[in-house]
Amino acid sequence: MSSLPITPEQLAALPSEFQAILQAVIDHYEQRIARLEEELKGFRKTPQNSSLPPGSVHPGQAEGSANRVEEEAGWAVGASEVRAAAHFY
């Protein structure tokens, strides 16, 4: 189980049927997050689909180097940010 906003003691105090349902929901969303993270790996930011400045991506630029630009600029999104955003849905 991943880090939850509930303590193990609080979870243990819940009825077993509710614990099973809660675990199923958690598993579902963890799988969904993993699939979305995989999809994001194939996404490449360009000036046309992001806020990257026009001169940051050149026609001859190597594949994957846009990710380096994102990371240097602090735009890269990691698993913890995705999980934190998923908390609101």
Foldseek 3Di string as FASTA:
>chain_A
DDDDPDDPVRLVPDPPVVNVVVVVVVVVVVVVLVVVVVVVVPDADAVVRDVDPNVPDDPPDDPPVSVVVCVVVVNDDDSVNSVVVVVVD
